[in-house]
Amino acid sequence: MKLANVELSEIRVVSLYVITCFMCEKQLHLAASEIDASVGDAAAMAASQGWHSYETSDESCSVACPSCIKEAQENEGED
């Protein structure tokens, strides 16, 4: 078998928004082609998938995934 580089016509460039959870570092990838090419639209799409910022009485977080938000809500209920 003779190996060669991938054919150039099979490679495409994609614009991608990457949102990283501040708590667990999980990443959400949103292809710019799936949404309008603005950061605001990417934030709205992330929110529709459960990604949000939050603030409690003793902490704030600029971006958290659904799992970490759930954990923060449970911890807040324990106080």
PDB file of N, CA and C in Angstrom:
ATOM      1  N   MET A   1       0.844  -1.171   0.000  1.00  0.00           N
ATOM      2  CA  MET A   1       0.000   0.000   0.000  1.00  0.00           C
ATOM      3  C   MET A   1       0.889   1.234   0.000  1.00  0.00           C
ATOM      4  N   LYS A   2       0.564   2.163  -0.844  1.00  0.00           N
ATOM      5  CA  LYS A   2       1.302   3.422  -0.923  1.00  0.00           C
ATOM      6  C   LYS A   2       0.455   4.508  -0.256  1.00  0.00           C
ATOM      7  N   LEU A   3       1.019   5.197   0.731  1.00  0.00           N
ATOM      8  CA  LEU A   3       0.319   6.275   1.423  1.00  0.00           C
ATOM      9  C   LEU A   3       0.715   7.614   0.840  1.00  0.00           C
ATOM     10  N   ALA A   4      -0.216   8.548   0.873  1.00  0.00           N
ATOM     11  CA  ALA A   4       0.045   9.903   0.387  1.00  0.00           C
ATOM     12  C   ALA A   4      -0.733  10.882   1.261  1.00  0.00           C
ATOM     13  N   ASN A   5      -0.432  12.152   1.107  1.00  0.00           N
ATOM     14  CA  ASN A   5      -1.168  13.179   1.843  1.00  0.00           C
ATOM     15  C   ASN A   5      -2.627  13.191   1.421  1.00  0.00           C
ATOM     16  N   VAL A   6      -3.477  13.689   2.304  1.00  0.00           N
ATOM     17  CA  VAL A   6      -4.895  13.857   1.993  1.00  0.00           C
ATOM     18  C   VAL A   6      -5.014  14.798   0.799  1.00  0.00           C
ATOM     19  N   GLU A   7      -5.976  14.526  -0.073  1.00  0.00           N
ATOM     20  CA  GLU A   7      -6.189  15.411  -1.217  1.00  0.00           C
ATOM     21  C   GLU A   7      -6.648  16.774  -0.724  1.00  0.00           C
ATOM     22  N   LEU A   8      -6.037  17.822  -1.251  1.00  0.00           N
ATOM     23  CA  LEU A   8      -6.332  19.177  -0.797  1.00  0.00           C
ATOM     24  C   LEU A   8      -7.801  19.539  -0.968  1.00  0.00           C
ATOM     25  N   SER A   9      -8.454  18.994  -1.961  1.00  0.00           N
ATOM     26  CA  SER A   9      -9.866  19.304  -2.192  1.00  0.00           C
ATOM     27  C   SER A   9     -10.766  18.741  -1.093  1.00  0.00           C
ATOM     28  N   GLU A  10     -10.225  17.845  -0.263  1.00  0.00           N
ATOM     29  CA  GLU A  10     -11.001  17.243   0.822  1.00  0.00           C
ATOM     30  C   GLU A  10     -10.850  18.000   2.145  1.00  0.00           C
ATOM     31  N   ILE A  11     -10.090  19.083   2.145  1.00  0.00           N
ATOM     32  CA  ILE A  11      -9.861  19.875   3.350  1.00  0.00           C
ATOM     33  C   ILE A  11     -10.658  21.166   3.239  1.00  0.00           C
ATOM     34  N   ARG A  12     -11.347  21.516   4.333  1.00  0.00           N
ATOM     35  CA  ARG A  12     -12.090  22.774   4.332  1.00  0.00           C
ATOM     36  C   ARG A  12     -11.773  23.556   5.600  1.00  0.00           C
ATOM     37  N   VAL A  13     -11.854  24.858   5.493  1.00  0.00           N
ATOM     38  CA  VAL A  13     -11.637  25.754   6.623  1.00  0.00           C
ATOM     39  C   VAL A  13     -12.995  26.046   7.245  1.00  0.00           C
ATOM     40  N   VAL A  14     -13.079  25.955   8.562  1.00  0.00           N
ATOM     41  CA  VAL A  14     -14.340  26.180   9.256  1.00  0.00           C
ATOM     42  C   VAL A  14     -14.124  27.204  10.367  1.00  0.00           C
ATOM     43  N   SER A  15     -15.006  28.191  10.430  1.00  0.00           N
ATOM     44  CA  SER A  15     -14.984  29.123  11.562  1.00  0.00           C
ATOM     45  C   SER A  15     -15.715  28.458  12.714  1.00  0.00           C
ATOM     46  N   LEU A  16     -15.149  28.562  13.894  1.00  0.00           N
ATOM     47  CA  LEU A  16     -15.687  27.837  15.037  1.00  0.00           C
ATOM     48  C   LEU A  16     -15.633  28.712  16.282  1.00  0.00           C
ATOM     49  N   TYR A  17     -16.743  28.756  17.010  1.00  0.00           N
ATOM     50  CA  TYR A  17     -16.756  29.394  18.322  1.00  0.00           C
ATOM     51  C   TYR A  17     -16.491  28.300  19.352  1.00  0.00           C
ATOM     52  N   VAL A  18     -15.596  28.562  20.284  1.00  0.00           N
ATOM     53  CA  VAL A  18     -15.288  27.608  21.350  1.00  0.00           C
ATOM     54  C   VAL A  18     -15.579  28.300  22.680  1.00  0.00           C
ATOM     55  N   ILE A  19     -16.464  27.699  23.466  1.00  0.00           N
ATOM     56  CA  ILE A  19     -16.831  28.231  24.773  1.00  0.00           C
ATOM     57  C   ILE A  19     -16.373  27.206  25.804  1.00  0.00           C
ATOM     58  N   THR A  20     -15.599  27.647  26.783  1.00  0.00           N
ATOM     59  CA  THR A  20     -15.021  26.742  27.773  1.00  0.00           C
ATOM     60  C   THR A  20     -15.620  27.005  29.148  1.00  0.00           C
ATOM     61  N   CYS A  21     -16.089  25.946  29.783  1.00  0.00           N
ATOM     62  CA  CYS A  21     -16.636  26.044  31.136  1.00  0.00           C
ATOM     63  C   CYS A  21     -15.517  26.451  32.093  1.00  0.00           C
ATOM     64  N   PHE A  22     -15.769  27.496  32.866  1.00  0.00           N
ATOM     65  CA  PHE A  22     -14.781  27.993  33.814  1.00  0.00           C
ATOM     66  C   PHE A  22     -14.514  26.985  34.929  1.00  0.00           C
ATOM     67  N   MET A  23     -15.497  26.149  35.237  1.00  0.00           N
ATOM     68  CA  MET A  23     -15.381  25.223  36.366  1.00  0.00           C
ATOM     69  C   MET A  23     -14.657  23.923  35.988  1.00  0.00           C
ATOM     70  N   CYS A  24     -15.095  23.256  34.924  1.00  0.00           N
ATOM     71  CA  CYS A  24     -14.552  21.930  34.585  1.00  0.00           C
ATOM     72  C   CYS A  24     -13.744  21.910  33.284  1.00  0.00           C
ATOM     73  N   GLU A  25     -13.723  23.032  32.581  1.00  0.00           N
ATOM     74  CA  GLU A  25     -12.982  23.193  31.328  1.00  0.00           C
ATOM     75  C   GLU A  25     -13.550  22.385  30.161  1.00  0.00           C
ATOM     76  N   LYS A  26     -14.778  21.869  30.307  1.00  0.00           N
ATOM     77  CA  LYS A  26     -15.449  21.231  29.173  1.00  0.00           C
ATOM     78  C   LYS A  26     -15.654  22.299  28.102  1.00  0.00           C
ATOM     79  N   GLN A  27     -15.565  21.899  26.843  1.00  0.00           N
ATOM     80  CA  GLN A  27     -15.721  22.856  25.750  1.00  0.00           C
ATOM     81  C   GLN A  27     -16.975  22.586  24.939  1.00  0.00           C
ATOM     82  N   LEU A  28     -17.602  23.671  24.517  1.00  0.00           N
ATOM     83  CA  LEU A  28     -18.722  23.621  23.586  1.00  0.00           C
ATOM     84  C   LEU A  28     -18.226  24.218  22.283  1.00  0.00           C
ATOM     85  N   HIS A  29     -18.381  23.487  21.183  1.00  0.00           N
ATOM     86  CA  HIS A  29     -17.956  23.961  19.867  1.00  0.00           C
ATOM     87  C   HIS A  29     -19.182  24.280  19.029  1.00  0.00           C
ATOM     88  N   LEU A  30     -19.228  25.481  18.500  1.00  0.00           N
ATOM     89  CA  LEU A  30     -20.322  25.909  17.639  1.00  0.00           C
ATOM     90  C   LEU A  30     -19.744  26.369  16.312  1.00  0.00           C
ATOM     91  N   ALA A  31     -20.090  25.677  15.253  1.00  0.00           N
ATOM     92  CA  ALA A  31     -19.618  26.068  13.925  1.00  0.00           C
ATOM     93  C   ALA A  31     -20.318  27.352  13.516  1.00  0.00           C
ATOM     94  N   ALA A  32     -19.562  28.315  13.050  1.00  0.00           N
ATOM     95  CA  ALA A  32     -20.133  29.600  12.663  1.00  0.00           C
ATOM     96  C   ALA A  32     -21.140  29.443  11.537  1.00  0.00           C
ATOM     97  N   SER A  33     -21.032  28.394  10.744  1.00  0.00           N
ATOM     98  CA  SER A  33     -21.977  28.179   9.650  1.00  0.00           C
ATOM     99  C   SER A  33     -23.353  27.778  10.168  1.00  0.00           C
ATOM    100  N   GLU A  34     -23.437  27.258  11.409  1.00  0.00           N
ATOM    101  CA  GLU A  34     -24.712  26.847  11.986  1.00  0.00           C
ATOM    102  C   GLU A  34     -25.504  28.028  12.532  1.00  0.00           C
ATOM    103  N   ILE A  35     -24.827  29.120  12.808  1.00  0.00           N
ATOM    104  CA  ILE A  35     -25.467  30.296  13.379  1.00  0.00           C
ATOM    105  C   ILE A  35     -24.963  31.530  12.661  1.00  0.00           C
ATOM    106  N   ASP A  36     -25.578  32.672  12.904  1.00  0.00           N
ATOM    107  CA  ASP A  36     -25.038  33.913  12.365  1.00  0.00           C
ATOM    108  C   ASP A  36     -23.630  34.094  12.900  1.00  0.00           C
ATOM    109  N   ALA A  37     -22.837  34.825  12.163  1.00  0.00           N
ATOM    110  CA  ALA A  37     -21.423  34.942  12.499  1.00  0.00           C
ATOM    111  C   ALA A  37     -21.146  35.996  13.572  1.00  0.00           C
ATOM    112  N   SER A  38     -22.012  36.135  14.570  1.00  0.00           N
ATOM    113  CA  SER A  38     -21.730  37.092  15.635  1.00  0.00           C
ATOM    114  C   SER A  38     -21.551  36.367  16.961  1.00  0.00           C
ATOM    115  N   VAL A  39     -20.775  36.964  17.831  1.00  0.00           N
ATOM    116  CA  VAL A  39     -20.531  36.383  19.143  1.00  0.00           C
ATOM    117  C   VAL A  39     -21.832  36.338  19.945  1.00  0.00           C
ATOM    118  N   GLY A  40     -22.673  37.349  19.786  1.00  0.00           N
ATOM    119  CA  GLY A  40     -23.958  37.363  20.481  1.00  0.00           C
ATOM    120  C   GLY A  40     -24.823  36.177  20.107  1.00  0.00           C
ATOM    121  N   ASP A  41     -24.835  35.830  18.831  1.00  0.00           N
ATOM    122  CA  ASP A  41     -25.595  34.664  18.385  1.00  0.00           C
ATOM    123  C   ASP A  41     -24.997  33.374  18.947  1.00  0.00           C
ATOM    124  N   ALA A  42     -23.673  33.321  19.058  1.00  0.00           N
ATOM    125  CA  ALA A  42     -23.025  32.147  19.655  1.00  0.00           C
ATOM    126  C   ALA A  42     -23.419  32.025  21.125  1.00  0.00           C
ATOM    127  N   ALA A  43     -23.492  33.154  21.831  1.00  0.00           N
ATOM    128  CA  ALA A  43     -23.907  33.131  23.237  1.00  0.00           C
ATOM    129  C   ALA A  43     -25.349  32.656  23.364  1.00  0.00           C
ATOM    130  N   ALA A  44     -26.209  33.104  22.459  1.00  0.00           N
ATOM    131  CA  ALA A  44     -27.612  32.672  22.484  1.00  0.00           C
ATOM    132  C   ALA A  44     -27.732  31.180  22.198  1.00  0.00           C
ATOM    133  N   MET A  45     -26.952  30.672  21.256  1.00  0.00           N
ATOM    134  CA  MET A  45     -26.970  29.249  20.945  1.00  0.00           C
ATOM    135  C   MET A  45     -26.455  28.438  22.139  1.00  0.00           C
ATOM    136  N   ALA A  46     -25.419  28.941  22.805  1.00  0.00           N
ATOM    137  CA  ALA A  46     -24.895  28.261  23.993  1.00  0.00           C
ATOM    138  C   ALA A  46     -25.960  28.217  25.089  1.00  0.00           C
ATOM    139  N   ALA A  47     -26.661  29.324  25.282  1.00  0.00           N
ATOM    140  CA  ALA A  47     -27.719  29.372  26.301  1.00  0.00           C
ATOM    141  C   ALA A  47     -28.820  28.364  25.987  1.00  0.00           C
ATOM    142  N   SER A  48     -29.127  28.204  24.701  1.00  0.00           N
ATOM    143  CA  SER A  48     -30.174  27.245  24.327  1.00  0.00           C
ATOM    144  C   SER A  48     -29.754  25.806  24.613  1.00  0.00           C
ATOM    145  N   GLN A  49     -28.446  25.599  24.804  1.00  0.00           N
ATOM    146  CA  GLN A  49     -27.927  24.271  25.132  1.00  0.00           C
ATOM    147  C   GLN A  49     -27.565  24.148  26.616  1.00  0.00           C
ATOM    148  N   GLY A  50     -27.987  25.142  27.408  1.00  0.00           N
ATOM    149  CA  GLY A  50     -27.807  25.061  28.850  1.00  0.00           C
ATOM    150  C   GLY A  50     -26.551  25.705  29.407  1.00  0.00           C
ATOM    151  N   TRP A  51     -25.790  26.394  28.580  1.00  0.00           N
ATOM    152  CA  TRP A  51     -24.574  27.067  29.029  1.00  0.00           C
ATOM    153  C   TRP A  51     -24.927  28.495  29.423  1.00  0.00           C
ATOM    154  N   HIS A  52     -24.531  28.908  30.638  1.00  0.00           N
ATOM    155  CA  HIS A  52     -24.868  30.242  31.135  1.00  0.00           C
ATOM    156  C   HIS A  52     -23.754  30.759  32.039  1.00  0.00           C
ATOM    157  N   SER A  53     -23.813  32.050  32.330  1.00  0.00           N
ATOM    158  CA  SER A  53     -23.050  32.599  33.444  1.00  0.00           C
ATOM    159  C   SER A  53     -23.987  32.551  34.642  1.00  0.00           C
ATOM    160  N   TYR A  54     -23.433  32.664  35.846  1.00  0.00           N
ATOM    161  CA  TYR A  54     -24.315  32.686  37.018  1.00  0.00           C
ATOM    162  C   TYR A  54     -23.673  33.471  38.147  1.00  0.00           C
ATOM    163  N   GLU A  55     -24.515  33.840  39.089  1.00  0.00           N
ATOM    164  CA  GLU A  55     -24.059  34.533  40.289  1.00  0.00           C
ATOM    165  C   GLU A  55     -24.856  34.003  41.475  1.00  0.00           C
ATOM    166  N   THR A  56     -24.146  33.656  42.534  1.00  0.00           N
ATOM    167  CA  THR A  56     -24.798  33.243  43.781  1.00  0.00           C
ATOM    168  C   THR A  56     -24.424  34.267  44.851  1.00  0.00           C
ATOM    169  N   SER A  57     -24.829  34.019  46.065  1.00  0.00           N
ATOM    170  CA  SER A  57     -24.520  34.960  47.145  1.00  0.00           C
ATOM    171  C   SER A  57     -23.025  35.045  47.437  1.00  0.00           C
ATOM    172  N   ASP A  58     -22.273  33.992  47.094  1.00  0.00           N
ATOM    173  CA  ASP A  58     -20.846  34.007  47.416  1.00  0.00           C
ATOM    174  C   ASP A  58     -19.900  33.760  46.243  1.00  0.00           C
ATOM    175  N   GLU A  59     -20.422  33.617  45.033  1.00  0.00           N
ATOM    176  CA  GLU A  59     -19.528  33.441  43.887  1.00  0.00           C
ATOM    177  C   GLU A  59     -20.231  33.829  42.593  1.00  0.00           C
ATOM    178  N   SER A  60     -19.408  34.075  41.589  1.00  0.00           N
ATOM    179  CA  SER A  60     -19.946  34.292  40.246  1.00  0.00           C
ATOM    180  C   SER A  60     -19.069  33.531  39.266  1.00  0.00           C
ATOM    181  N   CYS A  61     -19.649  33.213  38.134  1.00  0.00           N
ATOM    182  CA  CYS A  61     -18.941  32.438  37.114  1.00  0.00           C
ATOM    183  C   CYS A  61     -19.334  32.993  35.752  1.00  0.00           C
ATOM    184  N   SER A  62     -18.361  33.292  34.927  1.00  0.00           N
ATOM    185  CA  SER A  62     -18.635  33.911  33.632  1.00  0.00           C
ATOM    186  C   SER A  62     -19.193  32.942  32.607  1.00  0.00           C
ATOM    187  N   VAL A  63     -18.865  31.659  32.729  1.00  0.00           N
ATOM    188  CA  VAL A  63     -19.430  30.652  31.822  1.00  0.00           C
ATOM    189  C   VAL A  63     -19.360  29.279  32.491  1.00  0.00           C
ATOM    190  N   ALA A  64     -20.496  28.585  32.468  1.00  0.00           N
ATOM    191  CA  ALA A  64     -20.556  27.255  33.073  1.00  0.00           C
ATOM    192  C   ALA A  64     -21.413  26.344  32.203  1.00  0.00           C
ATOM    193  N   CYS A  65     -21.009  25.089  32.132  1.00  0.00           N
ATOM    194  CA  CYS A  65     -21.751  24.082  31.376  1.00  0.00           C
ATOM    195  C   CYS A  65     -22.973  23.643  32.191  1.00  0.00           C
ATOM    196  N   PRO A  66     -23.914  22.956  31.573  1.00  0.00           N
ATOM    197  CA  PRO A  66     -25.111  22.526  32.297  1.00  0.00           C
ATOM    198  C   PRO A  66     -24.809  21.689  33.552  1.00  0.00           C
ATOM    199  N   SER A  67     -23.831  20.812  33.498  1.00  0.00           N
ATOM    200  CA  SER A  67     -23.492  19.971  34.659  1.00  0.00           C
ATOM    201  C   SER A  67     -22.988  20.808  35.827  1.00  0.00           C
ATOM    202  N   CYS A  68     -22.134  21.768  35.538  1.00  0.00           N
ATOM    203  CA  CYS A  68     -21.587  22.603  36.609  1.00  0.00           C
ATOM    204  C   CYS A  68     -22.643  23.556  37.153  1.00  0.00           C
ATOM    205  N   ILE A  69     -23.555  24.014  36.314  1.00  0.00           N
ATOM    206  CA  ILE A  69     -24.653  24.850  36.795  1.00  0.00           C
ATOM    207  C   ILE A  69     -25.528  24.038  37.743  1.00  0.00           C
ATOM    208  N   LYS A  70     -25.822  22.810  37.374  1.00  0.00           N
ATOM    209  CA  LYS A  70     -26.635  21.945  38.236  1.00  0.00           C
ATOM    210  C   LYS A  70     -25.946  21.737  39.579  1.00  0.00           C
ATOM    211  N   GLU A  71     -24.647  21.480  39.547  1.00  0.00           N
ATOM    212  CA  GLU A  71     -23.891  21.281  40.782  1.00  0.00           C
ATOM    213  C   GLU A  71     -23.908  22.543  41.644  1.00  0.00           C
ATOM    214  N   ALA A  72     -23.743  23.710  41.023  1.00  0.00           N
ATOM    215  CA  ALA A  72     -23.769  24.973  41.770  1.00  0.00           C
ATOM    216  C   ALA A  72     -25.142  25.201  42.394  1.00  0.00           C
ATOM    217  N   GLN A  73     -26.200  24.853  41.656  1.00  0.00           N
ATOM    218  CA  GLN A  73     -27.555  24.993  42.201  1.00  0.00           C
ATOM    219  C   GLN A  73     -27.756  24.067  43.401  1.00  0.00           C
ATOM    220  N   GLU A  74     -27.252  22.846  43.308  1.00  0.00           N
ATOM    221  CA  GLU A  74     -27.363  21.902  44.424  1.00  0.00           C
ATOM    222  C   GLU A  74     -26.577  22.387  45.635  1.00  0.00           C
ATOM    223  N   ASN A  75     -25.374  22.919  45.393  1.00  0.00           N
ATOM    224  CA  ASN A  75     -24.549  23.437  46.485  1.00  0.00           C
ATOM    225  C   ASN A  75     -25.201  24.643  47.143  1.00  0.00           C
ATOM    226  N   GLU A  76     -25.836  25.484  46.341  1.00  0.00           N
ATOM    227  CA  GLU A  76     -26.507  26.663  46.880  1.00  0.00           C
ATOM    228  C   GLU A  76     -27.680  26.246  47.769  1.00  0.00           C
ATOM    229  N   GLY A  77     -28.353  25.170  47.402  1.00  0.00           N
ATOM    230  CA  GLY A  77     -29.471  24.670  48.194  1.00  0.00           C
ATOM    231  C   GLY A  77     -29.051  24.098  49.532  1.00  0.00           C
ATOM    232  N   GLU A  78     -27.779  23.692  49.641  1.00  0.00           N
ATOM    233  CA  GLU A  78     -27.267  23.114  50.883  1.00  0.00           C
ATOM    234  C   GLU A  78     -26.946  24.171  51.922  1.00  0.00           C
ATOM    235  N   ASP A  79     -26.761  25.416  51.475  1.00  0.00           N
ATOM    236  CA  ASP A  79     -26.394  26.506  52.404  1.00  0.00           C
ATOM    237  C   ASP A  79     -27.535  26.898  53.306  1.00  0.00           C
TER     238      ASP A  79
END
